[in-house]
């Protein structure tokens, strides 16, 4: 069984409450996650708690296999925990329909992954335009905003290049622009610089933090890189015991 501890005191029970109007963007309350493995039940998370506030940058650190990605998937409403509650911007996710969860992901959450997850057949500009079109932003407005964001990450000369024509650092810059384009309240980032060499990782991470500060967006980021984690506002560590 894996047990997780973090730097936050355990929160009081607010099951069913609405925390709208507070400074909290994300709350995980007593979250547990179990998986079936053959005839066995694997306890991946047990009573995990965390709170992320407005504009706060929080790193989630721990060794491989200790559930960091699962925590992020639950935070992004992509996985349903076995028990416990998830609040995003004051709304308890378990009371929401799938369509309502999808709308929260579209409007309130940005994503940056270790693998950039860009659409390979589309240009950098198109990859940043598409999330806006899903949100029903007019095409012309979406193009202007996408171009401005890509210029802000230093890709003004690479707008029409496809992912295969970009370096790893450039692809992550596009991914950061895409994550920010719909003005989310929080970005969920899973090892966003893990596939980059140290020098490029440092440059991309500087850019990521500066843009997040400019947009006043929160970050919840899993990373193995303690040097990067220490540059965040706070660290939540996972400690697993077999």
Protein backbone atom coordinates (compact mmCIF):
# COMPACT_ATOMS: atom_id res chain seq x y z
CA UNK A 1 0.00 0.00 0.00
CA UNK A 2 1.29 3.45 -0.86
CA UNK A 3 0.63 6.28 1.54
CA UNK A 4 1.17 9.93 0.71
CA UNK A 5 2.09 12.84 2.94
CA UNK A 6 2.30 16.47 1.95
CA UNK A 7 3.25 19.77 3.49
CA UNK A 8 -0.36 20.70 4.22
CA UNK A 9 -2.26 19.88 7.37
CA UNK A 10 -5.25 17.65 6.75
CA UNK A 11 -8.25 19.83 5.94
CA UNK A 12 -11.53 19.60 7.81
CA UNK A 13 -14.41 17.75 6.20
CA UNK A 14 -16.35 19.96 3.76
CA UNK A 15 -18.06 17.21 1.77
CA UNK A 16 -20.87 18.75 -0.22
CA UNK A 17 -19.79 22.30 0.51
CA UNK A 18 -19.15 24.98 -2.08
CA UNK A 19 -15.92 26.84 -1.49
CA UNK A 20 -16.60 29.48 -4.13
CA UNK A 21 -15.41 32.92 -3.12
CA UNK A 22 -12.22 31.66 -1.46
CA UNK A 23 -8.73 31.99 -2.88
CA UNK A 24 -8.65 28.27 -3.65
CA UNK A 25 -8.38 27.13 -7.25
CA UNK A 26 -7.99 23.42 -6.54
CA UNK A 27 -8.64 21.24 -3.49
CA UNK A 28 -8.07 17.51 -3.20
CA UNK A 29 -9.69 16.27 -0.01
CA UNK A 30 -9.08 12.79 1.39
CA UNK A 31 -8.62 11.41 -2.13
CA UNK A 32 -7.97 7.69 -2.48
CA UNK A 33 -7.44 5.70 -5.66
CA UNK A 34 -7.50 1.92 -6.07
CA UNK A 35 -6.82 -0.21 -9.13
CA UNK A 36 -7.52 -3.86 -9.82
CA UNK A 37 -4.44 -5.88 -10.80
CA UNK A 38 -5.56 -9.43 -11.48
CA UNK A 39 -7.14 -10.64 -8.26
CA UNK A 40 -5.39 -7.98 -6.20
CA UNK A 41 -6.48 -4.46 -5.27
CA UNK A 42 -3.65 -1.92 -5.50
CA UNK A 43 -3.97 1.17 -3.29
CA UNK A 44 -2.29 3.92 -5.30
CA UNK A 45 -3.44 6.86 -3.16
CA UNK A 46 -4.81 6.96 0.34
CA UNK A 47 -6.43 10.05 1.89
CA UNK A 48 -4.35 12.48 -0.14
CA UNK A 49 -5.00 16.17 0.56
CA UNK A 50 -3.75 19.31 -1.20
CA UNK A 51 -4.89 22.88 -1.78
CA UNK A 52 -3.68 25.17 -4.58
CA UNK A 53 -4.46 28.88 -4.29
CA UNK A 54 -4.88 31.66 -6.84
CA UNK A 55 -1.60 32.35 -8.67
CA UNK A 56 0.26 29.81 -6.52
CA UNK A 57 2.97 27.65 -8.08
CA UNK A 58 3.15 24.22 -6.43
CA UNK A 59 5.54 21.37 -7.24
CA UNK A 60 4.63 17.73 -6.67
CA UNK A 61 7.78 15.69 -6.14
CA UNK A 62 8.48 12.02 -5.48
CA UNK A 63 10.11 8.98 -7.00
CA UNK A 64 8.71 7.22 -10.06
CA UNK A 65 5.69 5.04 -9.37
CA UNK A 66 4.45 6.98 -6.36
CA UNK A 67 1.31 8.30 -8.03
CA UNK A 68 2.24 11.81 -9.13
CA UNK A 69 0.63 11.43 -12.56
CA UNK A 70 -2.47 9.89 -10.99
CA UNK A 71 -2.78 12.90 -8.68
CA UNK A 72 -2.57 15.23 -11.67
CA UNK A 73 -5.11 13.19 -13.65
CA UNK A 74 -7.55 13.39 -10.74
CA UNK A 75 -6.86 17.12 -10.35
CA UNK A 76 -7.68 17.65 -14.02
CA UNK A 77 -10.96 15.70 -13.69
CA UNK A 78 -9.67 13.07 -16.10
CA UNK A 79 -9.79 10.31 -13.48
CA UNK A 80 -12.51 9.69 -10.89
CA UNK A 81 -11.02 8.85 -7.47
CA UNK A 82 -12.26 5.79 -5.61
CA UNK A 83 -13.17 8.06 -2.70
CA UNK A 84 -12.68 11.63 -1.55
CA UNK A 85 -13.58 14.97 -3.12
CA UNK A 86 -12.07 17.24 -5.77
CA UNK A 87 -13.01 20.92 -5.90
CA UNK A 88 -12.07 23.07 -8.91
CA UNK A 89 -12.74 26.79 -8.56
CA UNK A 90 -15.21 26.09 -5.75
CA UNK A 91 -17.18 23.35 -7.52
CA UNK A 92 -17.22 19.77 -6.21
CA UNK A 93 -16.45 17.62 -9.23
CA UNK A 94 -18.36 14.54 -8.07
CA UNK A 95 -21.62 16.48 -8.37
CA UNK A 96 -20.92 17.46 -11.99
CA UNK A 97 -21.90 15.71 -15.21
CA UNK A 98 -19.27 14.62 -17.75
CA UNK A 99 -20.19 17.59 -19.94
CA UNK A 100 -19.75 19.98 -17.02
CA UNK A 101 -16.35 18.47 -16.24
CA UNK A 102 -15.33 18.84 -19.88
CA UNK A 103 -16.35 22.51 -19.78
CA UNK A 104 -14.23 23.08 -16.67
CA UNK A 105 -11.24 21.47 -18.38
CA UNK A 106 -11.81 23.61 -21.46
CA UNK A 107 -12.27 26.91 -19.63
CA UNK A 108 -10.37 26.58 -16.36
CA UNK A 109 -7.49 24.13 -16.83
CA UNK A 110 -4.45 24.23 -19.09
CA UNK A 111 -2.19 21.23 -19.68
CA UNK A 112 1.54 20.86 -20.32
CA UNK A 113 2.99 17.36 -20.63
CA UNK A 114 6.51 15.94 -20.85
CA UNK A 115 5.63 14.89 -24.37
CA UNK A 116 4.30 18.08 -25.91
CA UNK A 117 1.17 16.32 -27.31
CA UNK A 118 0.95 18.74 -30.23
CA UNK A 119 -1.11 17.73 -33.25
CA UNK A 120 1.58 16.75 -35.78
CA UNK A 121 -0.35 17.65 -38.92
CA UNK A 122 -0.93 21.25 -37.81
CA UNK A 123 1.45 24.21 -37.55
CA UNK A 124 2.48 25.83 -34.27
CA UNK A 125 -0.05 28.59 -34.92
CA UNK A 126 -2.85 26.13 -35.66
CA UNK A 127 -2.07 24.10 -32.53
CA UNK A 128 -2.68 27.23 -30.43
CA UNK A 129 -5.73 28.30 -32.44
CA UNK A 130 -7.61 24.98 -32.14
CA UNK A 131 -8.37 25.11 -28.37
CA UNK A 132 -9.92 28.54 -28.88
CA UNK A 133 -12.15 27.31 -31.71
CA UNK A 134 -13.40 24.55 -29.40
CA UNK A 135 -14.32 27.35 -26.98
CA UNK A 136 -16.21 29.10 -29.81
CA UNK A 137 -13.76 32.01 -30.09
CA UNK A 138 -14.12 33.66 -33.54
CA UNK A 139 -11.38 32.44 -35.91
CA UNK A 140 -9.89 35.88 -36.53
CA UNK A 141 -9.65 36.64 -32.80
CA UNK A 142 -8.17 33.18 -32.16
CA UNK A 143 -5.48 33.76 -34.79
CA UNK A 144 -4.47 37.10 -33.30
CA UNK A 145 -4.26 35.75 -29.77
CA UNK A 146 -2.36 32.64 -30.86
CA UNK A 147 0.17 34.70 -32.80
CA UNK A 148 0.66 37.10 -29.88
CA UNK A 149 1.26 34.24 -27.46
CA UNK A 150 3.70 32.47 -29.76
CA UNK A 151 5.59 35.72 -30.23
CA UNK A 152 5.74 36.11 -26.45
CA UNK A 153 7.53 32.74 -26.21
CA UNK A 154 10.02 33.70 -28.92
CA UNK A 155 8.50 31.76 -31.82
CA UNK A 156 7.54 34.63 -34.11
CA UNK A 157 9.63 33.06 -36.92
CA UNK A 158 8.24 29.56 -36.40
CA UNK A 159 4.48 30.18 -36.55
CA UNK A 160 3.89 28.05 -39.62
CA UNK A 161 6.29 25.23 -38.80
CA UNK A 162 4.86 21.84 -37.87
CA UNK A 163 6.02 20.08 -34.67
CA UNK A 164 8.46 17.82 -36.56
CA UNK A 165 10.23 20.94 -37.81
CA UNK A 166 10.71 22.35 -34.29
CA UNK A 167 13.28 21.56 -31.63
CA UNK A 168 12.21 19.98 -28.33
CA UNK A 169 12.40 23.32 -26.56
CA UNK A 170 10.37 25.02 -29.28
CA UNK A 171 7.70 22.34 -29.11
CA UNK A 172 7.36 22.87 -25.36
CA UNK A 173 7.05 26.61 -25.93
CA UNK A 174 4.14 25.94 -28.27
CA UNK A 175 2.63 23.65 -25.63
CA UNK A 176 2.94 26.41 -23.00
CA UNK A 177 1.27 28.92 -25.34
CA UNK A 178 -1.52 26.41 -26.01
CA UNK A 179 -2.00 25.83 -22.27
CA UNK A 180 -2.41 29.57 -21.65
CA UNK A 181 -4.47 30.55 -24.66
CA UNK A 182 -7.92 30.03 -23.10
CA UNK A 183 -6.90 31.96 -19.97
CA UNK A 184 -7.19 29.07 -17.48
CA UNK A 185 -7.12 29.48 -13.71
CA UNK A 186 -4.63 26.64 -13.31
CA UNK A 187 -2.13 24.74 -15.42
CA UNK A 188 -1.56 21.05 -14.71
CA UNK A 189 2.00 20.21 -15.78
CA UNK A 190 3.46 16.68 -15.79
CA UNK A 191 7.27 16.78 -16.07
CA UNK A 192 7.07 19.70 -18.54
CA UNK A 193 10.84 19.88 -19.03
CA UNK A 194 11.62 16.18 -18.46
CA UNK A 195 12.53 15.47 -22.07
CA UNK A 196 14.80 18.51 -22.47
CA UNK A 197 18.52 18.91 -21.85
CA UNK A 198 19.34 20.88 -18.64
CA UNK A 199 20.15 24.17 -20.36
CA UNK A 200 17.01 24.13 -22.53
CA UNK A 201 14.91 22.97 -19.56
CA UNK A 202 16.07 25.96 -17.52
CA UNK A 203 15.24 28.41 -20.32
CA UNK A 204 11.80 26.89 -20.94
CA UNK A 205 11.02 26.76 -17.21
CA UNK A 206 11.96 30.45 -16.79
CA UNK A 207 9.59 31.28 -19.61
CA UNK A 208 6.85 29.11 -18.13
CA UNK A 209 7.06 30.77 -14.71
CA UNK A 210 7.24 34.30 -16.12
CA UNK A 211 4.19 33.79 -18.32
CA UNK A 212 2.26 32.17 -15.46
CA UNK A 213 3.05 35.16 -13.26
CA UNK A 214 1.98 37.58 -16.00
CA UNK A 215 -1.30 35.70 -16.47
CA UNK A 216 -1.78 35.20 -12.70
CA UNK A 217 -2.39 31.52 -13.33
CA UNK A 218 -1.72 28.78 -10.77
CA UNK A 219 0.56 25.84 -11.58
CA UNK A 220 0.40 22.32 -10.16
CA UNK A 221 3.47 20.57 -11.55
CA UNK A 222 4.92 17.10 -11.08
CA UNK A 223 8.68 16.96 -11.47
CA UNK A 224 11.73 14.88 -10.57
CA UNK A 225 13.91 18.00 -10.86
CA UNK A 226 14.37 19.33 -7.32
CA UNK A 227 16.21 22.43 -8.57
CA UNK A 228 13.12 23.43 -10.56
CA UNK A 229 10.77 22.42 -7.74
CA UNK A 230 12.58 24.71 -5.31
CA UNK A 231 11.81 27.67 -7.55
CA UNK A 232 8.08 27.14 -7.04
CA UNK A 233 6.15 28.72 -4.18
CA UNK A 234 5.69 25.42 -2.37
CA UNK A 235 6.54 21.73 -2.63
CA UNK A 236 4.23 18.81 -1.89
CA UNK A 237 6.21 15.59 -1.52
CA UNK A 238 4.98 12.01 -1.91
CA UNK A 239 6.37 9.34 0.34
CA UNK A 240 5.50 5.75 -0.55
CA UNK A 241 5.72 2.67 1.61
CA UNK A 242 5.19 -0.77 0.10
